[in-house]
N, C-alpha and C. Protein backbone atom coordinates (compact mmCIF):
# COMPACT_ATOMS: atom_id res chain seq x y z
N MET A 1 182.04 -4.64 22.99
CA MET A 1 181.04 -5.32 22.19
C MET A 1 180.98 -4.64 20.82
N LEU A 2 180.83 -5.47 19.80
CA LEU A 2 180.74 -4.98 18.43
C LEU A 2 179.36 -5.25 17.87
N ASN A 3 178.83 -4.30 17.12
CA ASN A 3 177.55 -4.49 16.47
C ASN A 3 177.76 -5.38 15.25
N VAL A 4 177.23 -6.61 15.28
CA VAL A 4 177.38 -7.55 14.17
C VAL A 4 176.01 -7.90 13.57
N THR A 5 175.05 -7.03 13.74
CA THR A 5 173.69 -7.28 13.30
C THR A 5 173.63 -7.68 11.83
N ASP A 6 174.38 -7.01 10.98
CA ASP A 6 174.31 -7.27 9.55
C ASP A 6 175.14 -8.45 9.09
N SER A 7 176.02 -8.96 9.95
CA SER A 7 176.93 -10.02 9.51
C SER A 7 176.84 -11.31 10.33
N ALA A 8 176.08 -11.32 11.39
CA ALA A 8 176.02 -12.49 12.27
C ALA A 8 175.35 -13.68 11.59
N ASP A 9 175.87 -14.87 11.88
CA ASP A 9 175.26 -16.11 11.41
C ASP A 9 174.38 -16.67 12.51
N GLU A 10 173.35 -17.40 12.11
CA GLU A 10 172.48 -18.05 13.09
C GLU A 10 173.18 -19.32 13.57
N VAL A 11 173.48 -19.38 14.87
CA VAL A 11 174.22 -20.53 15.42
C VAL A 11 173.40 -21.34 16.42
N VAL A 12 172.24 -20.82 16.81
CA VAL A 12 171.35 -21.52 17.74
C VAL A 12 169.92 -21.38 17.26
N ASP A 13 169.03 -22.18 17.84
CA ASP A 13 167.60 -22.06 17.55
C ASP A 13 167.03 -20.95 18.42
N LEU A 14 167.26 -19.71 18.01
CA LEU A 14 166.85 -18.55 18.79
C LEU A 14 165.34 -18.55 19.05
N TRP A 15 164.53 -18.74 18.02
CA TRP A 15 163.09 -18.62 18.19
C TRP A 15 162.51 -19.78 18.97
N GLY A 16 163.12 -20.94 18.92
CA GLY A 16 162.69 -22.05 19.77
C GLY A 16 162.79 -21.68 21.23
N TYR A 17 163.84 -20.93 21.58
CA TYR A 17 164.05 -20.46 22.96
C TYR A 17 163.19 -19.23 23.24
N ALA A 18 163.28 -18.23 22.37
CA ALA A 18 162.62 -16.94 22.63
C ALA A 18 161.10 -17.06 22.65
N ASN A 19 160.53 -17.91 21.82
CA ASN A 19 159.07 -18.04 21.79
C ASN A 19 158.50 -18.50 23.12
N VAL A 20 159.22 -19.33 23.84
CA VAL A 20 158.77 -19.78 25.16
C VAL A 20 158.75 -18.59 26.13
N ILE A 21 159.79 -17.77 26.12
CA ILE A 21 159.87 -16.59 26.99
C ILE A 21 158.78 -15.59 26.60
N ILE A 22 158.63 -15.37 25.30
CA ILE A 22 157.62 -14.43 24.82
C ILE A 22 156.22 -14.88 25.26
N GLU A 23 155.93 -16.14 25.11
CA GLU A 23 154.61 -16.66 25.51
C GLU A 23 154.39 -16.50 27.01
N GLU A 24 155.41 -16.79 27.81
CA GLU A 24 155.27 -16.69 29.27
C GLU A 24 155.16 -15.25 29.75
N ASP A 25 156.00 -14.37 29.20
CA ASP A 25 156.10 -13.01 29.72
C ASP A 25 155.26 -11.98 28.96
N PHE A 26 154.95 -12.27 27.69
CA PHE A 26 154.26 -11.28 26.85
C PHE A 26 153.08 -11.92 26.11
N HIS A 27 152.40 -12.85 26.75
CA HIS A 27 151.34 -13.63 26.12
C HIS A 27 150.20 -12.79 25.55
N ASN A 28 150.01 -11.60 26.06
CA ASN A 28 148.92 -10.76 25.57
C ASN A 28 149.36 -9.85 24.42
N CYS A 29 150.55 -10.07 23.88
CA CYS A 29 151.08 -9.20 22.82
C CYS A 29 151.27 -9.99 21.52
N THR A 30 150.26 -10.73 21.13
CA THR A 30 150.37 -11.58 19.94
C THR A 30 150.50 -10.79 18.65
N ALA A 31 150.04 -9.56 18.62
CA ALA A 31 150.12 -8.75 17.41
C ALA A 31 151.46 -8.01 17.29
N TRP A 32 152.30 -8.10 18.29
CA TRP A 32 153.59 -7.41 18.27
C TRP A 32 154.49 -7.99 17.18
N ASP A 33 155.30 -7.15 16.54
CA ASP A 33 156.23 -7.59 15.49
C ASP A 33 157.51 -8.09 16.14
N TRP A 34 157.56 -9.37 16.47
CA TRP A 34 158.73 -9.96 17.13
C TRP A 34 159.82 -10.19 16.09
N HIS A 35 160.98 -9.56 16.30
CA HIS A 35 162.11 -9.68 15.38
C HIS A 35 163.40 -9.32 16.10
N VAL A 36 164.53 -9.71 15.53
CA VAL A 36 165.83 -9.33 16.08
C VAL A 36 166.15 -7.93 15.58
N LYS A 37 166.48 -7.05 16.51
CA LYS A 37 166.81 -5.65 16.16
C LYS A 37 168.32 -5.45 16.09
N PHE A 38 169.03 -5.93 17.11
CA PHE A 38 170.48 -5.76 17.17
C PHE A 38 171.13 -7.04 17.67
N ILE A 39 172.35 -7.29 17.19
CA ILE A 39 173.18 -8.38 17.71
C ILE A 39 174.55 -7.79 18.02
N TYR A 40 174.98 -7.94 19.27
CA TYR A 40 176.30 -7.47 19.69
C TYR A 40 177.15 -8.66 20.07
N GLU A 41 178.42 -8.62 19.69
CA GLU A 41 179.33 -9.74 19.91
C GLU A 41 180.57 -9.26 20.66
N ALA A 42 181.05 -10.10 21.58
CA ALA A 42 182.29 -9.80 22.29
C ALA A 42 183.43 -9.73 21.28
N LYS A 43 184.41 -8.87 21.54
CA LYS A 43 185.54 -8.72 20.63
C LYS A 43 186.25 -10.03 20.35
N ASP A 44 186.30 -10.92 21.34
CA ASP A 44 187.00 -12.20 21.17
C ASP A 44 186.11 -13.28 20.57
N GLY A 45 184.88 -12.93 20.21
CA GLY A 45 183.97 -13.89 19.58
C GLY A 45 183.43 -14.95 20.51
N SER A 46 183.51 -14.71 21.80
CA SER A 46 183.08 -15.73 22.76
C SER A 46 181.57 -15.77 22.99
N TYR A 47 180.89 -14.66 22.83
CA TYR A 47 179.45 -14.66 23.05
C TYR A 47 178.78 -13.52 22.29
N GLN A 48 177.46 -13.65 22.14
CA GLN A 48 176.63 -12.62 21.52
C GLN A 48 175.45 -12.30 22.44
N HIS A 49 174.98 -11.07 22.31
CA HIS A 49 173.73 -10.65 22.93
C HIS A 49 172.79 -10.34 21.76
N ILE A 50 171.75 -11.14 21.63
CA ILE A 50 170.77 -10.97 20.55
C ILE A 50 169.57 -10.24 21.15
N ASN A 51 169.28 -9.06 20.63
CA ASN A 51 168.28 -8.18 21.23
C ASN A 51 166.99 -8.12 20.41
N ILE A 52 165.90 -8.49 21.07
CA ILE A 52 164.58 -8.51 20.47
C ILE A 52 163.74 -7.44 21.17
N PRO A 53 163.24 -6.43 20.44
CA PRO A 53 162.41 -5.41 21.09
C PRO A 53 161.15 -6.02 21.68
N VAL A 54 160.77 -5.52 22.85
CA VAL A 54 159.52 -5.93 23.50
C VAL A 54 158.58 -4.73 23.53
N PRO A 55 157.30 -4.94 23.83
CA PRO A 55 156.33 -3.84 23.79
C PRO A 55 156.50 -2.84 24.95
N LYS A 56 157.69 -2.30 25.11
CA LYS A 56 157.98 -1.23 26.05
C LYS A 56 159.13 -0.44 25.45
N ASP A 57 159.01 0.88 25.40
CA ASP A 57 160.03 1.72 24.76
C ASP A 57 161.43 1.42 25.27
N ASN A 58 162.38 1.31 24.32
CA ASN A 58 163.80 1.12 24.63
C ASN A 58 164.07 -0.09 25.52
N THR A 59 163.29 -1.15 25.34
CA THR A 59 163.45 -2.37 26.14
C THR A 59 163.55 -3.57 25.21
N TYR A 60 164.47 -4.48 25.56
CA TYR A 60 164.75 -5.63 24.71
C TYR A 60 164.83 -6.91 25.54
N LEU A 61 164.36 -8.00 24.95
CA LEU A 61 164.66 -9.32 25.45
C LEU A 61 166.04 -9.64 24.88
N SER A 62 167.04 -9.74 25.74
CA SER A 62 168.41 -9.97 25.30
C SER A 62 168.79 -11.42 25.60
N VAL A 63 169.01 -12.18 24.54
CA VAL A 63 169.38 -13.59 24.65
C VAL A 63 170.88 -13.70 24.49
N VAL A 64 171.53 -14.34 25.47
CA VAL A 64 172.99 -14.46 25.48
C VAL A 64 173.37 -15.83 24.92
N VAL A 65 174.26 -15.81 23.91
CA VAL A 65 174.67 -17.03 23.23
C VAL A 65 176.17 -17.25 23.42
N ASP A 66 176.53 -18.45 23.85
CA ASP A 66 177.93 -18.89 23.93
C ASP A 66 178.29 -19.37 22.53
N LEU A 67 179.09 -18.58 21.80
CA LEU A 67 179.38 -18.92 20.41
C LEU A 67 180.23 -20.17 20.23
N PRO A 68 181.34 -20.35 20.96
CA PRO A 68 182.14 -21.56 20.76
C PRO A 68 181.35 -22.84 21.03
N ARG A 69 180.48 -22.82 22.02
CA ARG A 69 179.70 -24.02 22.37
C ARG A 69 178.37 -24.09 21.61
N ARG A 70 178.06 -23.00 20.90
CA ARG A 70 176.83 -22.92 20.10
C ARG A 70 175.60 -23.27 20.94
N ARG A 71 175.49 -22.56 22.10
CA ARG A 71 174.33 -22.80 22.98
C ARG A 71 173.89 -21.49 23.61
N ILE A 72 172.62 -21.45 23.97
CA ILE A 72 172.05 -20.30 24.64
C ILE A 72 172.36 -20.40 26.12
N MET A 73 172.92 -19.33 26.68
CA MET A 73 173.28 -19.30 28.10
C MET A 73 172.13 -18.81 28.96
N GLY A 74 171.25 -18.01 28.40
CA GLY A 74 170.14 -17.45 29.16
C GLY A 74 169.67 -16.16 28.52
N HIS A 75 168.92 -15.40 29.29
CA HIS A 75 168.38 -14.14 28.79
C HIS A 75 168.16 -13.17 29.94
N TYR A 76 167.96 -11.91 29.59
CA TYR A 76 167.58 -10.89 30.56
C TYR A 76 166.80 -9.81 29.83
N LEU A 77 166.09 -9.00 30.57
CA LEU A 77 165.35 -7.88 29.99
C LEU A 77 166.25 -6.65 30.09
N LEU A 78 166.62 -6.10 28.96
CA LEU A 78 167.48 -4.92 28.90
C LEU A 78 166.60 -3.69 28.74
N ASP A 79 166.43 -2.94 29.82
CA ASP A 79 165.60 -1.74 29.83
C ASP A 79 166.52 -0.53 29.75
N LEU A 80 166.78 -0.06 28.55
CA LEU A 80 167.68 1.08 28.36
C LEU A 80 167.11 2.37 28.93
N GLY A 81 165.79 2.48 28.95
CA GLY A 81 165.16 3.66 29.54
C GLY A 81 165.44 3.76 31.03
N ALA A 82 165.48 2.63 31.73
CA ALA A 82 165.79 2.63 33.16
C ALA A 82 167.28 2.86 33.41
N LEU A 83 168.12 2.30 32.52
CA LEU A 83 169.57 2.47 32.69
C LEU A 83 170.03 3.88 32.33
N TYR A 84 169.36 4.49 31.34
CA TYR A 84 169.74 5.82 30.87
C TYR A 84 168.51 6.71 30.81
N PRO A 85 167.98 7.15 31.94
CA PRO A 85 166.73 7.90 31.96
C PRO A 85 166.79 9.25 31.24
N ASN A 86 167.96 9.83 31.07
CA ASN A 86 168.08 11.13 30.41
C ASN A 86 168.42 11.03 28.93
N TRP A 87 168.56 9.81 28.42
CA TRP A 87 168.92 9.59 27.03
C TRP A 87 167.71 9.77 26.14
N LYS A 88 167.92 10.33 24.96
CA LYS A 88 166.85 10.47 23.98
C LYS A 88 167.18 9.58 22.79
N ALA A 89 166.17 9.06 22.17
CA ALA A 89 166.35 8.14 21.04
C ALA A 89 167.10 8.81 19.90
N ALA A 90 167.88 8.01 19.17
CA ALA A 90 168.58 8.51 18.00
C ALA A 90 167.57 9.09 17.02
N GLY A 91 167.97 10.16 16.36
CA GLY A 91 167.08 10.80 15.41
C GLY A 91 166.39 12.03 15.98
N GLN A 92 166.43 12.18 17.30
CA GLN A 92 165.87 13.38 17.89
C GLN A 92 166.95 14.46 17.85
N PRO A 93 166.56 15.72 17.87
CA PRO A 93 167.54 16.79 17.78
C PRO A 93 168.67 16.64 18.81
N GLY A 94 169.90 16.76 18.32
CA GLY A 94 171.06 16.70 19.21
C GLY A 94 171.53 15.30 19.54
N GLN A 95 170.95 14.27 18.92
CA GLN A 95 171.32 12.90 19.21
C GLN A 95 172.09 12.28 18.06
N SER A 96 172.92 11.32 18.39
CA SER A 96 173.70 10.60 17.38
C SER A 96 172.84 9.51 16.76
N PRO A 97 173.16 9.13 15.52
CA PRO A 97 172.43 8.02 14.91
C PRO A 97 172.83 6.70 15.55
N GLU A 98 172.07 5.64 15.25
CA GLU A 98 172.41 4.32 15.77
C GLU A 98 173.77 3.91 15.22
N PRO A 99 174.50 3.07 15.96
CA PRO A 99 175.81 2.65 15.51
C PRO A 99 175.74 1.82 14.24
N SER A 100 176.80 1.91 13.43
CA SER A 100 176.86 1.12 12.21
C SER A 100 177.46 -0.24 12.50
N GLY A 101 177.57 -1.08 11.48
CA GLY A 101 177.93 -2.48 11.64
C GLY A 101 179.18 -2.80 12.42
N THR A 102 180.23 -2.03 12.32
CA THR A 102 181.47 -2.40 12.99
C THR A 102 181.82 -1.47 14.15
N ASP A 103 180.93 -0.56 14.48
CA ASP A 103 181.20 0.34 15.60
C ASP A 103 181.23 -0.43 16.91
N GLU A 104 182.16 -0.05 17.76
CA GLU A 104 182.20 -0.64 19.09
C GLU A 104 181.18 0.08 19.95
N VAL A 105 180.38 -0.67 20.66
CA VAL A 105 179.31 -0.12 21.48
C VAL A 105 179.51 -0.53 22.91
N PRO A 106 179.61 0.42 23.85
CA PRO A 106 179.74 0.02 25.25
C PRO A 106 178.43 -0.56 25.75
N ILE A 107 178.51 -1.68 26.43
CA ILE A 107 177.34 -2.32 27.04
C ILE A 107 177.44 -2.09 28.54
N PRO A 108 176.41 -1.50 29.15
CA PRO A 108 176.47 -1.22 30.57
C PRO A 108 176.51 -2.49 31.41
N ALA A 109 177.11 -2.38 32.57
CA ALA A 109 177.09 -3.50 33.50
C ALA A 109 175.67 -3.76 33.93
N ARG A 110 175.33 -5.00 34.09
CA ARG A 110 173.98 -5.35 34.53
C ARG A 110 173.83 -5.01 36.00
N PRO A 111 172.76 -4.28 36.35
CA PRO A 111 172.57 -3.90 37.75
C PRO A 111 172.42 -5.13 38.65
N ALA A 112 172.90 -5.01 39.85
CA ALA A 112 172.78 -6.11 40.83
C ALA A 112 171.31 -6.27 41.20
N PRO A 113 170.87 -7.53 41.41
CA PRO A 113 169.45 -7.76 41.76
C PRO A 113 169.10 -7.20 43.12
């Protein structure tokens, strides 16, 4: 996956989809600053994961977009704190900064339900 946050084009009605999820799952968080933080794209350009921070540390509403078909495939809650409990946020002593625009970023496999 490549970080394309700074160069990605809008290909779907993200907020039309995300606002419904936000209202259902986070209805009591109306004052939260809802915005896209990161966008990661498959090397072959087949899909993107658009990550919106939610009111829980290191957790994102991740919307998956099929780029060739220009449609939203679905979403999941990406809880990096649960996936990496010993990880410390970038900027803390001994940690690397966030990846830049073209850095390849490994995306963990989604845990089985």
